[in-house]
Amino acid sequence: MRQEMIGWDEVDKLIDLLMVQFEREYEAMVLITRGGIIPGGMLAEAMGITHVLTAAVDFPAQMESDRENLLVWPQFIQFPDDDLLRGRQVLVIDDVWGSGRTVTAVKNRVSAAGGHPDVCVLHFNPHRNLFGSTRPDYFAASTDAHIVYPWEVDRGPQAAYGKYGDY
């Protein structure tokens, strides 16, 4: 798969592209960890949303084949209480919709809690989408590449050690 690295200036442009798309006001956001935290924070600030929640989802790889792994049910490591979602317009944020499994799982769980979710991502990959014609309600760009965001570059203990020497 082709890989594309983007910088902070590009992220700012993507956020601007999303801001003009929103068709309604949102009372809450659910940011999907980890990818949705930074774009969600930027959008929450720009939209003046203070009710910002997080959802952590894991799809454990337990099967023998990649195809079987796509059928594994998600495990919600962290999810907001239903009372925080019920009756609210909720914007679910992630960085990318690849297969769509994570965002769809979170959207469905928000709906089950009585919330009214819409999905927003920076990048939508229609070539990897497992949900037919279903797509995010809002996305800034469509791509067939694996996107590497600026917050994913040169981070972690090994990168810090290389930059700053011994701790």
C-alpha atoms as a PDB file:
ATOM      1  CA  MET A   1       0.000   0.000   0.000  1.00  0.00           C
ATOM      2  CA  ARG A   2       1.209   3.446  -0.873  1.00  0.00           C
ATOM      3  CA  GLN A   3       2.182   5.576   2.133  1.00  0.00           C
ATOM      4  CA  GLU A   4       1.775   9.332   2.372  1.00  0.00           C
ATOM      5  CA  MET A   5       3.168  11.528   5.125  1.00  0.00           C
ATOM      6  CA  ILE A   6       1.410  14.797   5.838  1.00  0.00           C
ATOM      7  CA  GLY A   7       2.485  17.764   7.942  1.00  0.00           C
ATOM      8  CA  TRP A   8       0.744  20.097  10.348  1.00  0.00           C
ATOM      9  CA  ASP A   9      -0.085  22.607   7.597  1.00  0.00           C
ATOM     10  CA  GLU A  10      -1.996  19.879   5.747  1.00  0.00           C
ATOM     11  CA  VAL A  11      -3.815  18.901   8.951  1.00  0.00           C
ATOM     12  CA  ASP A  12      -4.878  22.544   9.400  1.00  0.00           C
ATOM     13  CA  LYS A  13      -6.255  22.560   5.836  1.00  0.00           C
ATOM     14  CA  LEU A  14      -8.152  19.302   6.466  1.00  0.00           C
ATOM     15  CA  ILE A  15      -9.706  20.757   9.634  1.00  0.00           C
ATOM     16  CA  ASP A  16     -10.759  23.863   7.670  1.00  0.00           C
ATOM     17  CA  LEU A  17     -12.341  21.637   4.990  1.00  0.00           C
ATOM     18  CA  LEU A  18     -14.322  19.800   7.654  1.00  0.00           C
ATOM     19  CA  MET A  19     -15.505  22.964   9.426  1.00  0.00           C
ATOM     20  CA  VAL A  20     -17.501  24.164   6.419  1.00  0.00           C
ATOM     21  CA  GLN A  21     -19.258  20.796   6.011  1.00  0.00           C
ATOM     22  CA  PHE A  22     -21.101  20.479   9.319  1.00  0.00           C
ATOM     23  CA  GLU A  23     -24.847  20.606   8.794  1.00  0.00           C
ATOM     24  CA  ARG A  24     -25.894  20.817  12.435  1.00  0.00           C
ATOM     25  CA  GLU A  25     -24.628  21.785  15.853  1.00  0.00           C
ATOM     26  CA  TYR A  26     -23.245  19.044  18.069  1.00  0.00           C
ATOM     27  CA  GLU A  27     -23.665  18.786  21.819  1.00  0.00           C
ATOM     28  CA  ALA A  28     -20.907  16.250  22.336  1.00  0.00           C
ATOM     29  CA  MET A  29     -17.954  14.553  20.678  1.00  0.00           C
ATOM     30  CA  VAL A  30     -16.658  11.037  21.088  1.00  0.00           C
ATOM     31  CA  LEU A  31     -12.988  10.865  20.118  1.00  0.00           C
ATOM     32  CA  ILE A  32     -11.748   7.417  19.171  1.00  0.00           C
ATOM     33  CA  THR A  33      -8.381   6.693  20.727  1.00  0.00           C
ATOM     34  CA  ARG A  34      -5.738   7.157  19.648  1.00  0.00           C
ATOM     35  CA  GLY A  35      -6.192   8.503  16.135  1.00  0.00           C
ATOM     36  CA  GLY A  36      -9.155  10.747  16.860  1.00  0.00           C
ATOM     37  CA  ILE A  37      -7.698  12.564  19.853  1.00  0.00           C
ATOM     38  CA  ILE A  38      -5.706  15.263  18.039  1.00  0.00           C
ATOM     39  CA  PRO A  39      -8.122  16.042  15.180  1.00  0.00           C
ATOM     40  CA  GLY A  40     -11.021  15.803  17.650  1.00  0.00           C
ATOM     41  CA  GLY A  41      -9.356  18.248  20.017  1.00  0.00           C
ATOM     42  CA  MET A  42      -8.741  20.663  17.166  1.00  0.00           C
ATOM     43  CA  LEU A  43     -12.364  20.395  16.026  1.00  0.00           C
ATOM     44  CA  ALA A  44     -13.732  20.700  19.571  1.00  0.00           C
ATOM     45  CA  GLU A  45     -11.770  23.913  20.034  1.00  0.00           C
ATOM     46  CA  ALA A  46     -12.868  25.337  16.677  1.00  0.00           C
ATOM     47  CA  MET A  47     -16.523  24.388  17.272  1.00  0.00           C
ATOM     48  CA  GLY A  48     -16.644  25.429  20.928  1.00  0.00           C
ATOM     49  CA  ILE A  49     -17.659  21.939  22.109  1.00  0.00           C
ATOM     50  CA  THR A  50     -16.767  21.273  25.734  1.00  0.00           C
ATOM     51  CA  HIS A  51     -18.520  17.899  26.143  1.00  0.00           C
ATOM     52  CA  VAL A  52     -15.597  15.806  24.777  1.00  0.00           C
ATOM     53  CA  LEU A  53     -15.549  12.080  25.535  1.00  0.00           C
ATOM     54  CA  THR A  54     -13.322   9.191  24.478  1.00  0.00           C
ATOM     55  CA  ALA A  55     -13.854   5.644  23.272  1.00  0.00           C
ATOM     56  CA  ALA A  56     -11.123   3.018  23.149  1.00  0.00           C
ATOM     57  CA  VAL A  57     -11.815   0.024  20.926  1.00  0.00           C
ATOM     58  CA  ASP A  58      -9.796  -3.111  20.280  1.00  0.00           C
ATOM     59  CA  PHE A  59     -10.300  -5.718  17.589  1.00  0.00           C
ATOM     60  CA  PRO A  60      -8.248  -8.649  18.863  1.00  0.00           C
ATOM     61  CA  ALA A  61      -6.616 -10.768  16.168  1.00  0.00           C
ATOM     62  CA  GLN A  62      -7.481 -14.268  17.301  1.00  0.00           C
ATOM     63  CA  MET A  63      -8.298 -16.127  14.126  1.00  0.00           C
ATOM     64  CA  GLU A  64      -6.076 -18.010  11.721  1.00  0.00           C
ATOM     65  CA  SER A  65      -6.811 -15.899   8.649  1.00  0.00           C
ATOM     66  CA  ASP A  66      -7.076 -12.180   7.914  1.00  0.00           C
ATOM     67  CA  ARG A  67     -10.605 -12.739   6.613  1.00  0.00           C
ATOM     68  CA  GLU A  68     -11.663 -14.350   9.901  1.00  0.00           C
ATOM     69  CA  ASN A  69     -10.056 -11.503  11.868  1.00  0.00           C
ATOM     70  CA  LEU A  70     -12.355  -9.051  10.069  1.00  0.00           C
ATOM     71  CA  LEU A  71     -15.318 -10.830  11.678  1.00  0.00           C
ATOM     72  CA  VAL A  72     -14.066 -10.517  15.289  1.00  0.00           C
ATOM     73  CA  TRP A  73     -16.364  -8.503  17.561  1.00  0.00           C
ATOM     74  CA  PRO A  74     -14.890  -5.318  19.025  1.00  0.00           C
ATOM     75  CA  GLN A  75     -13.886  -5.020  22.645  1.00  0.00           C
ATOM     76  CA  PHE A  76     -14.678  -1.644  24.157  1.00  0.00           C
ATOM     77  CA  ILE A  77     -11.831  -0.894  26.545  1.00  0.00           C
ATOM     78  CA  GLN A  78     -13.361   2.473  27.445  1.00  0.00           C
ATOM     79  CA  PHE A  79     -16.697   4.024  26.504  1.00  0.00           C
ATOM     80  CA  PRO A  80     -18.785   6.914  27.871  1.00  0.00           C
ATOM     81  CA  ASP A  81     -21.791   6.124  30.068  1.00  0.00           C
ATOM     82  CA  ASP A  82     -25.099   6.045  28.218  1.00  0.00           C
ATOM     83  CA  ASP A  83     -26.346   9.034  30.256  1.00  0.00           C
ATOM     84  CA  LEU A  84     -23.649  11.214  28.660  1.00  0.00           C
ATOM     85  CA  LEU A  85     -24.889  10.353  25.143  1.00  0.00           C
ATOM     86  CA  ARG A  86     -28.647   9.844  25.416  1.00  0.00           C
ATOM     87  CA  GLY A  87     -30.624  12.393  23.426  1.00  0.00           C
ATOM     88  CA  ARG A  88     -27.550  14.308  22.238  1.00  0.00           C
ATOM     89  CA  GLN A  89     -26.247  15.125  18.785  1.00  0.00           C
ATOM     90  CA  VAL A  90     -22.849  13.411  18.909  1.00  0.00           C
ATOM     91  CA  LEU A  91     -19.944  13.795  16.503  1.00  0.00           C
ATOM     92  CA  VAL A  92     -17.758  10.662  16.446  1.00  0.00           C
ATOM     93  CA  ILE A  93     -14.185  11.562  15.436  1.00  0.00           C
ATOM     94  CA  ASP A  94     -11.305   9.436  14.142  1.00  0.00           C
ATOM     95  CA  ASP A  95      -8.333  10.208  11.942  1.00  0.00           C
ATOM     96  CA  VAL A  96      -9.150   7.757   9.154  1.00  0.00           C
ATOM     97  CA  TRP A  97     -11.915   5.456   7.943  1.00  0.00           C
ATOM     98  CA  GLY A  98     -10.005   2.520   6.464  1.00  0.00           C
ATOM     99  CA  SER A  99     -12.062  -0.643   6.822  1.00  0.00           C
ATOM    100  CA  GLY A 100     -14.631   1.332   8.814  1.00  0.00           C
ATOM    101  CA  ARG A 101     -14.912  -1.276  11.574  1.00  0.00           C
ATOM    102  CA  THR A 102     -13.833   0.920  14.483  1.00  0.00           C
ATOM    103  CA  VAL A 103     -15.878   4.014  13.615  1.00  0.00           C
ATOM    104  CA  THR A 104     -18.925   1.923  12.786  1.00  0.00           C
ATOM    105  CA  ALA A 105     -18.678   0.042  16.097  1.00  0.00           C
ATOM    106  CA  VAL A 106     -18.491   3.324  18.017  1.00  0.00           C
ATOM    107  CA  LYS A 107     -21.312   4.908  15.999  1.00  0.00           C
ATOM    108  CA  ASN A 108     -23.558   1.900  16.642  1.00  0.00           C
ATOM    109  CA  ARG A 109     -22.788   1.942  20.354  1.00  0.00           C
ATOM    110  CA  VAL A 110     -23.595   5.688  20.565  1.00  0.00           C
ATOM    111  CA  SER A 111     -26.917   4.947  18.813  1.00  0.00           C
ATOM    112  CA  ALA A 112     -27.632   2.076  21.210  1.00  0.00           C
ATOM    113  CA  ALA A 113     -27.083   4.511  24.098  1.00  0.00           C
ATOM    114  CA  GLY A 114     -29.743   6.809  22.656  1.00  0.00           C
ATOM    115  CA  GLY A 115     -27.382   9.324  21.073  1.00  0.00           C
ATOM    116  CA  HIS A 116     -27.659  10.681  17.539  1.00  0.00           C
ATOM    117  CA  PRO A 117     -24.201  10.115  16.026  1.00  0.00           C
ATOM    118  CA  ASP A 118     -22.536  11.373  12.885  1.00  0.00           C
ATOM    119  CA  VAL A 119     -19.046  10.231  11.877  1.00  0.00           C
ATOM    120  CA  CYS A 120     -16.205  12.584  10.962  1.00  0.00           C
ATOM    121  CA  VAL A 121     -12.700  11.608   9.794  1.00  0.00           C
ATOM    122  CA  LEU A 122      -9.805  13.396   8.175  1.00  0.00           C
ATOM    123  CA  HIS A 123      -9.331  10.698   5.506  1.00  0.00           C
ATOM    124  CA  PHE A 124     -11.722   8.192   3.956  1.00  0.00           C
ATOM    125  CA  ASN A 125     -10.327   5.183   2.083  1.00  0.00           C
ATOM    126  CA  PRO A 126     -13.164   3.852  -0.109  1.00  0.00           C
ATOM    127  CA  HIS A 127     -10.905   1.059  -1.404  1.00  0.00           C
ATOM    128  CA  ARG A 128     -10.614  -0.571   2.052  1.00  0.00           C
ATOM    129  CA  ASN A 129     -14.185   0.159   3.216  1.00  0.00           C
ATOM    130  CA  LEU A 130     -15.960  -3.020   4.370  1.00  0.00           C
ATOM    131  CA  PHE A 131     -19.401  -1.402   4.529  1.00  0.00           C
ATOM    132  CA  GLY A 132     -20.407  -1.101   0.872  1.00  0.00           C
ATOM    133  CA  SER A 133     -21.767   2.330   0.085  1.00  0.00           C
ATOM    134  CA  THR A 134     -21.731   3.410   3.751  1.00  0.00           C
ATOM    135  CA  ARG A 135     -19.217   6.153   4.362  1.00  0.00           C
ATOM    136  CA  PRO A 136     -18.451   8.824   6.943  1.00  0.00           C
ATOM    137  CA  ASP A 137     -20.913  11.684   7.236  1.00  0.00           C
ATOM    138  CA  TYR A 138     -17.977  14.098   6.994  1.00  0.00           C
ATOM    139  CA  PHE A 139     -14.471  13.631   5.651  1.00  0.00           C
ATOM    140  CA  ALA A 140     -11.864  16.073   4.416  1.00  0.00           C
ATOM    141  CA  ALA A 141     -10.123  13.889   1.817  1.00  0.00           C
ATOM    142  CA  SER A 142     -10.469  10.571   0.046  1.00  0.00           C
ATOM    143  CA  THR A 143      -7.350   8.449  -0.440  1.00  0.00           C
ATOM    144  CA  ASP A 144      -6.043   5.017  -1.292  1.00  0.00           C
ATOM    145  CA  ALA A 145      -2.832   5.597   0.687  1.00  0.00           C
ATOM    146  CA  HIS A 146      -1.832   4.773   4.233  1.00  0.00           C
ATOM    147  CA  ILE A 147      -1.635   8.231   5.808  1.00  0.00           C
ATOM    148  CA  VAL A 148       1.079   9.004   8.358  1.00  0.00           C
ATOM    149  CA  TYR A 149       0.044  11.995  10.447  1.00  0.00           C
ATOM    150  CA  PRO A 150       2.544  14.431  12.004  1.00  0.00           C
ATOM    151  CA  TRP A 151       1.736  13.203  15.513  1.00  0.00           C
ATOM    152  CA  GLU A 152       2.814   9.675  14.456  1.00  0.00           C
ATOM    153  CA  VAL A 153       6.290  10.630  13.254  1.00  0.00           C
ATOM    154  CA  ASP A 154       9.449  10.199  15.356  1.00  0.00           C
ATOM    155  CA  ARG A 155       7.656   9.572  18.612  1.00  0.00           C
ATOM    156  CA  GLY A 156       8.084   7.108  21.436  1.00  0.00           C
ATOM    157  CA  PRO A 157      10.974   6.111  23.680  1.00  0.00           C
ATOM    158  CA  GLN A 158      13.296   5.058  20.853  1.00  0.00           C
ATOM    159  CA  ALA A 159      12.821   8.307  18.944  1.00  0.00           C
ATOM    160  CA  ALA A 160      13.316  10.416  22.095  1.00  0.00           C
ATOM    161  CA  TYR A 161      16.477   8.504  22.974  1.00  0.00           C
ATOM    162  CA  GLY A 162      17.865   9.180  19.508  1.00  0.00           C
ATOM    163  CA  LYS A 163      17.065  12.900  19.769  1.00  0.00           C
ATOM    164  CA  TYR A 164      18.064  13.615  23.343  1.00  0.00           C
ATOM    165  CA  GLY A 165      20.623  10.976  24.273  1.00  0.00           C
ATOM    166  CA  ASP A 166      20.546   9.052  27.533  1.00  0.00           C
ATOM    167  CA  TYR A 167      17.874   9.905  30.104  1.00  0.00           C
END
